[in-house]
Amino acid sequence: MSKLGEYLTNARKKANLTLRAAENATGISNAYLSQLENGKIQQPSPILLEKLAALYRVDYSTLLELSGYPIPDQRSVSRLEARIGPTTNEEEEALIDYLDFLRTKRRAPGGLSK
């Protein structure tokens, strides 16, 4: 069993959940969860880890670290950063501008659909 697998097994049991209950709560198949816990899958996606961290009420960055993902510092990793990686200040500004644009279009008559 891997460190990640052992950690996930203990967290699930501490939360008083079966694999089937974890599957129902997260949408991650119990077969996949079993493979994670038994160490057959070593590096699940950050999105799956985020779901498990929320369900088991454990630290997301701990799951990332146990999965082999680099943790640059002790700050909390946002969902966006977990999905697209770190960004430069210029990229952040461009993303904010684009998001503002999308939100403005959505509010305008005949704008984007939700």
PDB file of N, CA and C in Angstrom:
ATOM      1  N   MET A   1       0.853  -1.189   0.000  1.00  0.00           N
ATOM      2  CA  MET A   1       0.000   0.000   0.000  1.00  0.00           C
ATOM      3  C   MET A   1       0.894   1.246   0.000  1.00  0.00           C
ATOM      4  N   SER A   2       0.552   2.210  -0.800  1.00  0.00           N
ATOM      5  CA  SER A   2       1.309   3.459  -0.878  1.00  0.00           C
ATOM      6  C   SER A   2       0.930   4.371   0.285  1.00  0.00           C
ATOM      7  N   LYS A   3       1.740   5.408   0.488  1.00  0.00           N
ATOM      8  CA  LYS A   3       1.411   6.387   1.531  1.00  0.00           C
ATOM      9  C   LYS A   3       0.077   7.056   1.230  1.00  0.00           C
ATOM     10  N   LEU A   4      -0.146   7.382  -0.051  1.00  0.00           N
ATOM     11  CA  LEU A   4      -1.416   7.987  -0.439  1.00  0.00           C
ATOM     12  C   LEU A   4      -2.558   7.023  -0.156  1.00  0.00           C
ATOM     13  N   GLY A   5      -2.406   5.771  -0.571  1.00  0.00           N
ATOM     14  CA  GLY A   5      -3.448   4.782  -0.365  1.00  0.00           C
ATOM     15  C   GLY A   5      -3.780   4.586   1.099  1.00  0.00           C
ATOM     16  N   GLU A   6      -2.755   4.490   1.919  1.00  0.00           N
ATOM     17  CA  GLU A   6      -2.957   4.317   3.357  1.00  0.00           C
ATOM     18  C   GLU A   6      -3.661   5.530   3.956  1.00  0.00           C
ATOM     19  N   TYR A   7      -3.229   6.712   3.531  1.00  0.00           N
ATOM     20  CA  TYR A   7      -3.834   7.946   4.028  1.00  0.00           C
ATOM     21  C   TYR A   7      -5.315   8.014   3.654  1.00  0.00           C
ATOM     22  N   LEU A   8      -5.619   7.698   2.386  1.00  0.00           N
ATOM     23  CA  LEU A   8      -7.013   7.745   1.930  1.00  0.00           C
ATOM     24  C   LEU A   8      -7.873   6.704   2.644  1.00  0.00           C
ATOM     25  N   THR A   9      -7.333   5.514   2.838  1.00  0.00           N
ATOM     26  CA  THR A   9      -8.078   4.468   3.551  1.00  0.00           C
ATOM     27  C   THR A   9      -8.409   4.915   4.965  1.00  0.00           C
ATOM     28  N   ASN A  10      -7.408   5.435   5.662  1.00  0.00           N
ATOM     29  CA  ASN A  10      -7.624   5.891   7.042  1.00  0.00           C
ATOM     30  C   ASN A  10      -8.616   7.050   7.093  1.00  0.00           C
ATOM     31  N   ALA A  11      -8.504   7.981   6.145  1.00  0.00           N
ATOM     32  CA  ALA A  11      -9.411   9.134   6.118  1.00  0.00           C
ATOM     33  C   ALA A  11     -10.844   8.690   5.848  1.00  0.00           C
ATOM     34  N   ARG A  12     -11.015   7.758   4.929  1.00  0.00           N
ATOM     35  CA  ARG A  12     -12.359   7.259   4.614  1.00  0.00           C
ATOM     36  C   ARG A  12     -12.973   6.550   5.814  1.00  0.00           C
ATOM     37  N   LYS A  13     -12.183   5.704   6.462  1.00  0.00           N
ATOM     38  CA  LYS A  13     -12.681   4.982   7.633  1.00  0.00           C
ATOM     39  C   LYS A  13     -12.995   5.928   8.787  1.00  0.00           C
ATOM     40  N   LYS A  14     -12.161   6.945   8.958  1.00  0.00           N
ATOM     41  CA  LYS A  14     -12.408   7.938  10.012  1.00  0.00           C
ATOM     42  C   LYS A  14     -13.708   8.689   9.746  1.00  0.00           C
ATOM     43  N   ALA A  15     -14.025   8.878   8.470  1.00  0.00           N
ATOM     44  CA  ALA A  15     -15.277   9.549   8.089  1.00  0.00           C
ATOM     45  C   ALA A  15     -16.460   8.574   8.116  1.00  0.00           C
ATOM     46  N   ASN A  16     -16.201   7.328   8.512  1.00  0.00           N
ATOM     47  CA  ASN A  16     -17.242   6.285   8.585  1.00  0.00           C
ATOM     48  C   ASN A  16     -17.942   6.072   7.249  1.00  0.00           C
ATOM     49  N   LEU A  17     -17.138   5.980   6.182  1.00  0.00           N
ATOM     50  CA  LEU A  17     -17.686   5.780   4.843  1.00  0.00           C
ATOM     51  C   LEU A  17     -17.192   4.474   4.251  1.00  0.00           C
ATOM     52  N   THR A  18     -18.056   3.824   3.511  1.00  0.00           N
ATOM     53  CA  THR A  18     -17.646   2.673   2.710  1.00  0.00           C
ATOM     54  C   THR A  18     -17.178   3.198   1.356  1.00  0.00           C
ATOM     55  N   LEU A  19     -16.542   2.330   0.586  1.00  0.00           N
ATOM     56  CA  LEU A  19     -16.161   2.727  -0.768  1.00  0.00           C
ATOM     57  C   LEU A  19     -17.397   3.102  -1.588  1.00  0.00           C
ATOM     58  N   ARG A  20     -18.472   2.363  -1.406  1.00  0.00           N
ATOM     59  CA  ARG A  20     -19.706   2.638  -2.138  1.00  0.00           C
ATOM     60  C   ARG A  20     -20.277   4.003  -1.739  1.00  0.00           C
ATOM     61  N   ALA A  21     -20.231   4.342  -0.466  1.00  0.00           N
ATOM     62  CA  ALA A  21     -20.730   5.641  -0.007  1.00  0.00           C
ATOM     63  C   ALA A  21     -19.859   6.779  -0.557  1.00  0.00           C
ATOM     64  N   ALA A  22     -18.542   6.547  -0.605  1.00  0.00           N
ATOM     65  CA  ALA A  22     -17.640   7.556  -1.181  1.00  0.00           C
ATOM     66  C   ALA A  22     -17.917   7.728  -2.667  1.00  0.00           C
ATOM     67  N   GLU A  23     -18.216   6.630  -3.342  1.00  0.00           N
ATOM     68  CA  GLU A  23     -18.575   6.690  -4.761  1.00  0.00           C
ATOM     69  C   GLU A  23     -19.837   7.526  -4.954  1.00  0.00           C
ATOM     70  N   ASN A  24     -20.851   7.269  -4.157  1.00  0.00           N
ATOM     71  CA  ASN A  24     -22.110   8.008  -4.275  1.00  0.00           C
ATOM     72  C   ASN A  24     -21.934   9.498  -4.008  1.00  0.00           C
ATOM     73  N   ALA A  25     -21.042   9.840  -3.091  1.00  0.00           N
ATOM     74  CA  ALA A  25     -20.843  11.243  -2.730  1.00  0.00           C
ATOM     75  C   ALA A  25     -19.977  12.005  -3.731  1.00  0.00           C
ATOM     76  N   THR A  26     -19.046  11.304  -4.395  1.00  0.00           N
ATOM     77  CA  THR A  26     -18.092  11.994  -5.272  1.00  0.00           C
ATOM     78  C   THR A  26     -18.267  11.699  -6.755  1.00  0.00           C
ATOM     79  N   GLY A  27     -18.924  10.596  -7.070  1.00  0.00           N
ATOM     80  CA  GLY A  27     -19.016  10.179  -8.467  1.00  0.00           C
ATOM     81  C   GLY A  27     -17.790   9.431  -8.951  1.00  0.00           C
ATOM     82  N   ILE A  28     -16.849   9.162  -8.055  1.00  0.00           N
ATOM     83  CA  ILE A  28     -15.649   8.390  -8.394  1.00  0.00           C
ATOM     84  C   ILE A  28     -15.981   6.924  -8.126  1.00  0.00           C
ATOM     85  N   SER A  29     -15.789   6.063  -9.106  1.00  0.00           N
ATOM     86  CA  SER A  29     -16.196   4.660  -8.944  1.00  0.00           C
ATOM     87  C   SER A  29     -15.489   4.006  -7.765  1.00  0.00           C
ATOM     88  N   ASN A  30     -16.203   3.086  -7.108  1.00  0.00           N
ATOM     89  CA  ASN A  30     -15.598   2.405  -5.960  1.00  0.00           C
ATOM     90  C   ASN A  30     -14.416   1.546  -6.406  1.00  0.00           C
ATOM     91  N   ALA A  31     -14.426   1.056  -7.646  1.00  0.00           N
ATOM     92  CA  ALA A  31     -13.287   0.284  -8.160  1.00  0.00           C
ATOM     93  C   ALA A  31     -12.043   1.177  -8.252  1.00  0.00           C
ATOM     94  N   TYR A  32     -12.225   2.406  -8.737  1.00  0.00           N
ATOM     95  CA  TYR A  32     -11.109   3.346  -8.836  1.00  0.00           C
ATOM     96  C   TYR A  32     -10.610   3.710  -7.441  1.00  0.00           C
ATOM     97  N   LEU A  33     -11.553   3.967  -6.518  1.00  0.00           N
ATOM     98  CA  LEU A  33     -11.181   4.291  -5.144  1.00  0.00           C
ATOM     99  C   LEU A  33     -10.398   3.146  -4.503  1.00  0.00           C
ATOM    100  N   SER A  34     -10.820   1.920  -4.773  1.00  0.00           N
ATOM    101  CA  SER A  34     -10.122   0.749  -4.253  1.00  0.00           C
ATOM    102  C   SER A  34      -8.695   0.681  -4.807  1.00  0.00           C
ATOM    103  N   GLN A  35      -8.546   0.959  -6.095  1.00  0.00           N
ATOM    104  CA  GLN A  35      -7.210   0.965  -6.703  1.00  0.00           C
ATOM    105  C   GLN A  35      -6.333   2.053  -6.093  1.00  0.00           C
ATOM    106  N   LEU A  36      -6.922   3.195  -5.792  1.00  0.00           N
ATOM    107  CA  LEU A  36      -6.178   4.268  -5.126  1.00  0.00           C
ATOM    108  C   LEU A  36      -5.693   3.806  -3.758  1.00  0.00           C
ATOM    109  N   GLU A  37      -6.614   3.237  -2.995  1.00  0.00           N
ATOM    110  CA  GLU A  37      -6.280   2.820  -1.641  1.00  0.00           C
ATOM    111  C   GLU A  37      -5.264   1.683  -1.626  1.00  0.00           C
ATOM    112  N   ASN A  38      -5.276   0.827  -2.637  1.00  0.00           N
ATOM    113  CA  ASN A  38      -4.341  -0.296  -2.700  1.00  0.00           C
ATOM    114  C   ASN A  38      -3.024   0.054  -3.387  1.00  0.00           C
ATOM    115  N   GLY A  39      -2.865   1.307  -3.792  1.00  0.00           N
ATOM    116  CA  GLY A  39      -1.609   1.748  -4.379  1.00  0.00           C
ATOM    117  C   GLY A  39      -1.431   1.418  -5.843  1.00  0.00           C
ATOM    118  N   LYS A  40      -2.469   0.927  -6.505  1.00  0.00           N
ATOM    119  CA  LYS A  40      -2.353   0.613  -7.932  1.00  0.00           C
ATOM    120  C   LYS A  40      -2.384   1.880  -8.774  1.00  0.00           C
ATOM    121  N   ILE A  41      -3.009   2.926  -8.263  1.00  0.00           N
ATOM    122  CA  ILE A  41      -3.009   4.238  -8.912  1.00  0.00           C
ATOM    123  C   ILE A  41      -2.257   5.172  -7.984  1.00  0.00           C
ATOM    124  N   GLN A  42      -1.179   5.741  -8.493  1.00  0.00           N
ATOM    125  CA  GLN A  42      -0.300   6.565  -7.665  1.00  0.00           C
ATOM    126  C   GLN A  42      -0.555   8.067  -7.784  1.00  0.00           C
ATOM    127  N   GLN A  43      -1.034   8.525  -8.944  1.00  0.00           N
ATOM    128  CA  GLN A  43      -1.167   9.963  -9.154  1.00  0.00           C
ATOM    129  C   GLN A  43      -2.507  10.300  -9.805  1.00  0.00           C
ATOM    130  N   PRO A  44      -3.575  10.293  -9.011  1.00  0.00           N
ATOM    131  CA  PRO A  44      -4.884  10.668  -9.549  1.00  0.00           C
ATOM    132  C   PRO A  44      -4.907  12.157  -9.876  1.00  0.00           C
ATOM    133  N   SER A  45      -5.895  12.572 -10.633  1.00  0.00           N
ATOM    134  CA  SER A  45      -5.966  13.985 -11.015  1.00  0.00           C
ATOM    135  C   SER A  45      -6.235  14.864  -9.799  1.00  0.00           C
ATOM    136  N   PRO A  46      -5.752  16.091  -9.827  1.00  0.00           N
ATOM    137  CA  PRO A  46      -6.019  17.022  -8.731  1.00  0.00           C
ATOM    138  C   PRO A  46      -7.515  17.242  -8.494  1.00  0.00           C
ATOM    139  N   ILE A  47      -8.320  17.156  -9.539  1.00  0.00           N
ATOM    140  CA  ILE A  47      -9.767  17.350  -9.381  1.00  0.00           C
ATOM    141  C   ILE A  47     -10.362  16.238  -8.520  1.00  0.00           C
ATOM    142  N   LEU A  48      -9.931  14.996  -8.752  1.00  0.00           N
ATOM    143  CA  LEU A  48     -10.404  13.885  -7.926  1.00  0.00           C
ATOM    144  C   LEU A  48      -9.923  14.034  -6.492  1.00  0.00           C
ATOM    145  N   LEU A  49      -8.674  14.462  -6.338  1.00  0.00           N
ATOM    146  CA  LEU A  49      -8.139  14.661  -4.994  1.00  0.00           C
ATOM    147  C   LEU A  49      -8.910  15.737  -4.243  1.00  0.00           C
ATOM    148  N   GLU A  50      -9.323  16.762  -4.959  1.00  0.00           N
ATOM    149  CA  GLU A  50     -10.098  17.836  -4.333  1.00  0.00           C
ATOM    150  C   GLU A  50     -11.435  17.299  -3.823  1.00  0.00           C
ATOM    151  N   LYS A  51     -12.080  16.466  -4.617  1.00  0.00           N
ATOM    152  CA  LYS A  51     -13.354  15.867  -4.199  1.00  0.00           C
ATOM    153  C   LYS A  51     -13.172  15.009  -2.953  1.00  0.00           C
ATOM    154  N   LEU A  52     -12.122  14.209  -2.941  1.00  0.00           N
ATOM    155  CA  LEU A  52     -11.876  13.340  -1.794  1.00  0.00           C
ATOM    156  C   LEU A  52     -11.502  14.143  -0.550  1.00  0.00           C
ATOM    157  N   ALA A  53     -10.706  15.187  -0.727  1.00  0.00           N
ATOM    158  CA  ALA A  53     -10.336  16.032   0.412  1.00  0.00           C
ATOM    159  C   ALA A  53     -11.576  16.654   1.045  1.00  0.00           C
ATOM    160  N   ALA A  54     -12.492  17.118   0.215  1.00  0.00           N
ATOM    161  CA  ALA A  54     -13.716  17.723   0.738  1.00  0.00           C
ATOM    162  C   ALA A  54     -14.578  16.688   1.462  1.00  0.00           C
ATOM    163  N   LEU A  55     -14.726  15.512   0.870  1.00  0.00           N
ATOM    164  CA  LEU A  55     -15.561  14.473   1.465  1.00  0.00           C
ATOM    165  C   LEU A  55     -14.969  13.955   2.769  1.00  0.00           C
ATOM    166  N   TYR A  56     -13.673  13.698   2.767  1.00  0.00           N
ATOM    167  CA  TYR A  56     -13.017  13.124   3.944  1.00  0.00           C
ATOM    168  C   TYR A  56     -12.607  14.186   4.966  1.00  0.00           C
ATOM    169  N   ARG A  57     -12.771  15.444   4.583  1.00  0.00           N
ATOM    170  CA  ARG A  57     -12.392  16.570   5.453  1.00  0.00           C
ATOM    171  C   ARG A  57     -10.910  16.499   5.842  1.00  0.00           C
ATOM    172  N   VAL A  58     -10.088  16.367   4.796  1.00  0.00           N
ATOM    173  CA  VAL A  58      -8.639  16.361   4.971  1.00  0.00           C
ATOM    174  C   VAL A  58      -8.052  17.480   4.119  1.00  0.00           C
ATOM    175  N   ASP A  59      -6.795  17.782   4.369  1.00  0.00           N
ATOM    176  CA  ASP A  59      -6.125  18.873   3.671  1.00  0.00           C
ATOM    177  C   ASP A  59      -5.817  18.486   2.220  1.00  0.00           C
ATOM    178  N   TYR A  60      -6.295  19.304   1.308  1.00  0.00           N
ATOM    179  CA  TYR A  60      -6.100  19.069  -0.126  1.00  0.00           C
ATOM    180  C   TYR A  60      -4.619  19.048  -0.490  1.00  0.00           C
ATOM    181  N   SER A  61      -3.842  19.972   0.052  1.00  0.00           N
ATOM    182  CA  SER A  61      -2.418  20.028  -0.295  1.00  0.00           C
ATOM    183  C   SER A  61      -1.681  18.774   0.180  1.00  0.00           C
ATOM    184  N   THR A  62      -2.145  18.160   1.256  1.00  0.00           N
ATOM    185  CA  THR A  62      -1.539  16.907   1.713  1.00  0.00           C
ATOM    186  C   THR A  62      -1.762  15.813   0.678  1.00  0.00           C
ATOM    187  N   LEU A  63      -2.972  15.739   0.137  1.00  0.00           N
ATOM    188  CA  LEU A  63      -3.254  14.742  -0.897  1.00  0.00           C
ATOM    189  C   LEU A  63      -2.423  15.002  -2.147  1.00  0.00           C
ATOM    190  N   LEU A  64      -2.285  16.259  -2.526  1.00  0.00           N
ATOM    191  CA  LEU A  64      -1.444  16.593  -3.685  1.00  0.00           C
ATOM    192  C   LEU A  64      -0.007  16.135  -3.453  1.00  0.00           C
ATOM    193  N   GLU A  65       0.511  16.438  -2.282  1.00  0.00           N
ATOM    194  CA  GLU A  65       1.887  16.087  -1.959  1.00  0.00           C
ATOM    195  C   GLU A  65       2.089  14.565  -1.941  1.00  0.00           C
ATOM    196  N   LEU A  66       1.160  13.838  -1.317  1.00  0.00           N
ATOM    197  CA  LEU A  66       1.261  12.377  -1.278  1.00  0.00           C
ATOM    198  C   LEU A  66       1.153  11.760  -2.667  1.00  0.00           C
ATOM    199  N   SER A  67       0.532  12.476  -3.601  1.00  0.00           N
ATOM    200  CA  SER A  67       0.388  11.994  -4.975  1.00  0.00           C
ATOM    201  C   SER A  67       1.572  12.355  -5.849  1.00  0.00           C
ATOM    202  N   GLY A  68       2.508  13.105  -5.292  1.00  0.00           N
ATOM    203  CA  GLY A  68       3.698  13.458  -6.051  1.00  0.00           C
ATOM    204  C   GLY A  68       3.627  14.785  -6.775  1.00  0.00           C
ATOM    205  N   TYR A  69       2.556  15.546  -6.544  1.00  0.00           N
ATOM    206  CA  TYR A  69       2.461  16.864  -7.159  1.00  0.00           C
ATOM    207  C   TYR A  69       3.314  17.843  -6.346  1.00  0.00           C
ATOM    208  N   PRO A  70       4.010  18.743  -7.021  1.00  0.00           N
ATOM    209  CA  PRO A  70       4.846  19.702  -6.280  1.00  0.00           C
ATOM    210  C   PRO A  70       3.987  20.701  -5.517  1.00  0.00           C
ATOM    211  N   ILE A  71       4.386  20.957  -4.311  1.00  0.00           N
ATOM    212  CA  ILE A  71       3.727  21.955  -3.472  1.00  0.00           C
ATOM    213  C   ILE A  71       4.768  23.054  -3.234  1.00  0.00           C
ATOM    214  N   PRO A  72       4.680  24.185  -3.955  1.00  0.00           N
ATOM    215  CA  PRO A  72       5.731  25.197  -3.910  1.00  0.00           C
ATOM    216  C   PRO A  72       5.876  25.891  -2.561  1.00  0.00           C
ATOM    217  N   ASP A  73       4.788  26.097  -1.849  1.00  0.00           N
ATOM    218  CA  ASP A  73       4.855  26.724  -0.548  1.00  0.00           C
ATOM    219  C   ASP A  73       3.652  26.288   0.271  1.00  0.00           C
ATOM    220  N   GLN A  74       3.502  26.837   1.436  1.00  0.00           N
ATOM    221  CA  GLN A  74       2.456  26.391   2.346  1.00  0.00           C
ATOM    222  C   GLN A  74       1.114  27.075   2.124  1.00  0.00           C
ATOM    223  N   ARG A  75       1.031  27.967   1.147  1.00  0.00           N
ATOM    224  CA  ARG A  75      -0.245  28.641   0.909  1.00  0.00           C
ATOM    225  C   ARG A  75      -1.260  27.665   0.332  1.00  0.00           C
ATOM    226  N   SER A  76      -2.491  28.010   0.430  1.00  0.00           N
ATOM    227  CA  SER A  76      -3.563  27.166  -0.096  1.00  0.00           C
ATOM    228  C   SER A  76      -3.579  27.253  -1.623  1.00  0.00           C
ATOM    229  N   VAL A  77      -3.768  26.125  -2.261  1.00  0.00           N
ATOM    230  CA  VAL A  77      -3.834  26.079  -3.722  1.00  0.00           C
ATOM    231  C   VAL A  77      -5.300  26.217  -4.130  1.00  0.00           C
ATOM    232  N   SER A  78      -5.576  27.196  -4.986  1.00  0.00           N
ATOM    233  CA  SER A  78      -6.948  27.404  -5.438  1.00  0.00           C
ATOM    234  C   SER A  78      -7.341  26.333  -6.442  1.00  0.00           C
ATOM    235  N   ARG A  79      -8.640  26.179  -6.630  1.00  0.00           N
ATOM    236  CA  ARG A  79      -9.134  25.218  -7.622  1.00  0.00           C
ATOM    237  C   ARG A  79      -8.620  25.561  -9.009  1.00  0.00           C
ATOM    238  N   LEU A  80      -8.607  26.856  -9.329  1.00  0.00           N
ATOM    239  CA  LEU A  80      -8.141  27.273 -10.650  1.00  0.00           C
ATOM    240  C   LEU A  80      -6.667  26.920 -10.836  1.00  0.00           C
ATOM    241  N   GLU A  81      -5.858  27.218  -9.840  1.00  0.00           N
ATOM    242  CA  GLU A  81      -4.433  26.920  -9.948  1.00  0.00           C
ATOM    243  C   GLU A  81      -4.190  25.419 -10.036  1.00  0.00           C
ATOM    244  N   ALA A  82      -4.984  24.649  -9.338  1.00  0.00           N
ATOM    245  CA  ALA A  82      -4.831  23.195  -9.404  1.00  0.00           C
ATOM    246  C   ALA A  82      -5.131  22.687 -10.809  1.00  0.00           C
ATOM    247  N   ARG A  83      -6.019  23.367 -11.503  1.00  0.00           N
ATOM    248  CA  ARG A  83      -6.401  22.927 -12.846  1.00  0.00           C
ATOM    249  C   ARG A  83      -5.457  23.420 -13.926  1.00  0.00           C
ATOM    250  N   ILE A  84      -4.981  24.690 -13.814  1.00  0.00           N
ATOM    251  CA  ILE A  84      -4.177  25.247 -14.902  1.00  0.00           C
ATOM    252  C   ILE A  84      -2.720  25.485 -14.529  1.00  0.00           C
ATOM    253  N   GLY A  85      -2.366  25.292 -13.272  1.00  0.00           N
ATOM    254  CA  GLY A  85      -0.993  25.517 -12.836  1.00  0.00           C
ATOM    255  C   GLY A  85      -0.780  26.970 -12.454  1.00  0.00           C
ATOM    256  N   PRO A  86       0.410  27.281 -12.001  1.00  0.00           N
ATOM    257  CA  PRO A  86       0.696  28.657 -11.593  1.00  0.00           C
ATOM    258  C   PRO A  86       0.634  29.622 -12.777  1.00  0.00           C
ATOM    259  N   THR A  87       0.279  30.862 -12.486  1.00  0.00           N
ATOM    260  CA  THR A  87       0.184  31.888 -13.530  1.00  0.00           C
ATOM    261  C   THR A  87       1.063  33.071 -13.174  1.00  0.00           C
ATOM    262  N   THR A  88       1.466  33.818 -14.203  1.00  0.00           N
ATOM    263  CA  THR A  88       2.202  35.056 -13.977  1.00  0.00           C
ATOM    264  C   THR A  88       1.197  36.162 -13.653  1.00  0.00           C
ATOM    265  N   ASN A  89       1.691  37.285 -13.181  1.00  0.00           N
ATOM    266  CA  ASN A  89       0.805  38.422 -12.909  1.00  0.00           C
ATOM    267  C   ASN A  89       0.095  38.885 -14.177  1.00  0.00           C
ATOM    268  N   GLU A  90       0.813  38.887 -15.305  1.00  0.00           N
ATOM    269  CA  GLU A  90       0.202  39.287 -16.586  1.00  0.00           C
ATOM    270  C   GLU A  90      -0.923  38.332 -16.965  1.00  0.00           C
ATOM    271  N   GLU A  91      -0.697  37.039 -16.795  1.00  0.00           N
ATOM    272  CA  GLU A  91      -1.731  36.047 -17.110  1.00  0.00           C
ATOM    273  C   GLU A  91      -2.947  36.209 -16.198  1.00  0.00           C
ATOM    274  N   GLU A  92      -2.700  36.461 -14.913  1.00  0.00           N
ATOM    275  CA  GLU A  92      -3.810  36.671 -13.980  1.00  0.00           C
ATOM    276  C   GLU A  92      -4.648  37.869 -14.390  1.00  0.00           C
ATOM    277  N   GLU A  93      -3.993  38.956 -14.776  1.00  0.00           N
ATOM    278  CA  GLU A  93      -4.716  40.159 -15.199  1.00  0.00           C
ATOM    279  C   GLU A  93      -5.543  39.875 -16.456  1.00  0.00           C
ATOM    280  N   ALA A  94      -4.946  39.134 -17.406  1.00  0.00           N
ATOM    281  CA  ALA A  94      -5.665  38.796 -18.636  1.00  0.00           C
ATOM    282  C   ALA A  94      -6.864  37.907 -18.330  1.00  0.00           C
ATOM    283  N   LEU A  95      -6.710  36.957 -17.423  1.00  0.00           N
ATOM    284  CA  LEU A  95      -7.827  36.089 -17.027  1.00  0.00           C
ATOM    285  C   LEU A  95      -8.940  36.890 -16.361  1.00  0.00           C
ATOM    286  N   ILE A  96      -8.569  37.819 -15.511  1.00  0.00           N
ATOM    287  CA  ILE A  96      -9.561  38.661 -14.837  1.00  0.00           C
ATOM    288  C   ILE A  96     -10.306  39.519 -15.854  1.00  0.00           C
ATOM    289  N   ASP A  97      -9.569  40.105 -16.792  1.00  0.00           N
ATOM    290  CA  ASP A  97     -10.205  40.910 -17.836  1.00  0.00           C
ATOM    291  C   ASP A  97     -11.178  40.068 -18.658  1.00  0.00           C
ATOM    292  N   TYR A  98     -10.766  38.859 -19.018  1.00  0.00           N
ATOM    293  CA  TYR A  98     -11.626  37.992 -19.821  1.00  0.00           C
ATOM    294  C   TYR A  98     -12.863  37.562 -19.030  1.00  0.00           C
ATOM    295  N   LEU A  99     -12.691  37.256 -17.773  1.00  0.00           N
ATOM    296  CA  LEU A  99     -13.831  36.884 -16.934  1.00  0.00           C
ATOM    297  C   LEU A  99     -14.806  38.061 -16.799  1.00  0.00           C
ATOM    298  N   ASP A 100     -14.286  39.253 -16.621  1.00  0.00           N
ATOM    299  CA  ASP A 100     -15.150  40.446 -16.586  1.00  0.00           C
ATOM    300  C   ASP A 100     -15.927  40.577 -17.889  1.00  0.00           C
ATOM    301  N   PHE A 101     -15.247  40.364 -19.012  1.00  0.00           N
ATOM    302  CA  PHE A 101     -15.892  40.430 -20.314  1.00  0.00           C
ATOM    303  C   PHE A 101     -17.025  39.412 -20.400  1.00  0.00           C
ATOM    304  N   LEU A 102     -16.751  38.172 -20.014  1.00  0.00           N
ATOM    305  CA  LEU A 102     -17.783  37.127 -20.066  1.00  0.00           C
ATOM    306  C   LEU A 102     -18.976  37.466 -19.174  1.00  0.00           C
ATOM    307  N   ARG A 103     -18.714  37.977 -17.999  1.00  0.00           N
ATOM    308  CA  ARG A 103     -19.797  38.320 -17.078  1.00  0.00           C
ATOM    309  C   ARG A 103     -20.625  39.489 -17.614  1.00  0.00           C
ATOM    310  N   THR A 104     -19.990  40.441 -18.266  1.00  0.00           N
ATOM    311  CA  THR A 104     -20.705  41.570 -18.860  1.00  0.00           C
ATOM    312  C   THR A 104     -21.591  41.085 -19.998  1.00  0.00           C
ATOM    313  N   LYS A 105     -21.061  40.204 -20.839  1.00  0.00           N
ATOM    314  CA  LYS A 105     -21.840  39.664 -21.955  1.00  0.00           C
ATOM    315  C   LYS A 105     -23.040  38.874 -21.441  1.00  0.00           C
ATOM    316  N   ARG A 106     -22.872  38.156 -20.344  1.00  0.00           N
ATOM    317  CA  ARG A 106     -23.947  37.332 -19.794  1.00  0.00           C
ATOM    318  C   ARG A 106     -25.093  38.213 -19.280  1.00  0.00           C
ATOM    319  N   ARG A 107     -24.764  39.384 -18.734  1.00  0.00           N
ATOM    320  CA  ARG A 107     -25.781  40.277 -18.186  1.00  0.00           C
ATOM    321  C   ARG A 107     -26.477  41.090 -19.263  1.00  0.00           C
ATOM    322  N   ALA A 108     -25.820  41.267 -20.394  1.00  0.00           N
ATOM    323  CA  ALA A 108     -26.381  42.108 -21.471  1.00  0.00           C
ATOM    324  C   ALA A 108     -27.558  41.383 -22.139  1.00  0.00           C
ATOM    325  N   PRO A 109     -28.564  42.152 -22.587  1.00  0.00           N
ATOM    326  CA  PRO A 109     -29.680  41.526 -23.326  1.00  0.00           C
ATOM    327  C   PRO A 109     -29.137  40.816 -24.562  1.00  0.00           C
ATOM    328  N   GLY A 110     -29.589  39.586 -24.759  1.00  0.00           N
ATOM    329  CA  GLY A 110     -29.096  38.799 -25.902  1.00  0.00           C
ATOM    330  C   GLY A 110     -27.689  38.307 -25.714  1.00  0.00           C
ATOM    331  N   GLY A 111     -27.179  38.375 -24.457  1.00  0.00           N
ATOM    332  CA  GLY A 111     -25.801  37.961 -24.180  1.00  0.00           C
ATOM    333  C   GLY A 111     -25.647  36.445 -24.138  1.00  0.00           C
ATOM    334  N   LEU A 112     -24.567  36.001 -23.561  1.00  0.00           N
ATOM    335  CA  LEU A 112     -24.268  34.573 -23.464  1.00  0.00           C
ATOM    336  C   LEU A 112     -25.333  33.866 -22.644  1.00  0.00           C
ATOM    337  N   SER A 113     -25.609  32.635 -22.983  1.00  0.00           N
ATOM    338  CA  SER A 113     -26.548  31.843 -22.182  1.00  0.00           C
ATOM    339  C   SER A 113     -25.796  31.272 -20.987  1.00  0.00           C
ATOM    340  N   LYS A 114     -26.508  30.963 -19.925  1.00  0.00           N
ATOM    341  CA  LYS A 114     -25.862  30.462 -18.706  1.00  0.00           C
ATOM    342  C   LYS A 114     -25.516  29.032 -18.789  1.00  0.00           C
TER     343      LYS A 114
END
